[in-house]
Amino acid sequence: MAVRLKAKYQEEIKPQLKEEFGISNDLSVPKLEKVVVNVGMGEAKDNRDVLDKAVENLTALAGQKPVITRAKKSISNFKLSKGQAVGARVTLRGNRMYEFLDKLVSLVLPKVRDFRGVSTDSFDNQGNFTLGLREQVIFPEVSFQGGAVSGKIRGLEISVITTAKNKEQGKRLLELLGMPFKK
């Protein structure tokens, strides 16, 4: 699967982007740099099982072990101390990145209820894209019982980091890779 999307980028998308944006140098053509999958859980500070289950789910859907994220500073209103575990994230590069993105575009997003496309408002000025999903259970690797940690369905955030210079280049790159944007 991963080889399919990577080969499509090399053979079809790269020359098309080069022509569309008038880029002469092959190295300045926009490409994917990394994909970061993040899960935040406020109640992980009180219940270690919640964090363990989230790490297990993230490992299953990303294919590698996530890093536990910790609070940067104490916030008394949330009863949060500096250094407490509050989530998990995994950074995908290379073939795993292409495999995950291919799975996201072809299998996962079509399973989202009432799906009409991904919003284009989620681009930053450097051409990076962030997508939030309400449920982890739409991924085939996560079972419904495993996706509901402590009785709650967990969401996650997926950030696609590109080498694009602006929003237009980043959007066009993801369009050509198959990301279904709203019309």
Foldseek 3Di string as FASTA:
>chain_A
DLVVLVVCCVPPVQVVQCVVVVPDDSVLQKDFFKKKKKFFALCCLPPVQLAVLQQVLCCQLQVHGWDFDFACADDVVSPHHGGGGTITMDMDGDSSRSVNLVCCQPQQQVQDPPRQFDELVQADFQLKGKDKFAASCSRVRAPPVSQQRPNHRTIMMMITDMRHRGNVSSVSSVVSSRHGHHD
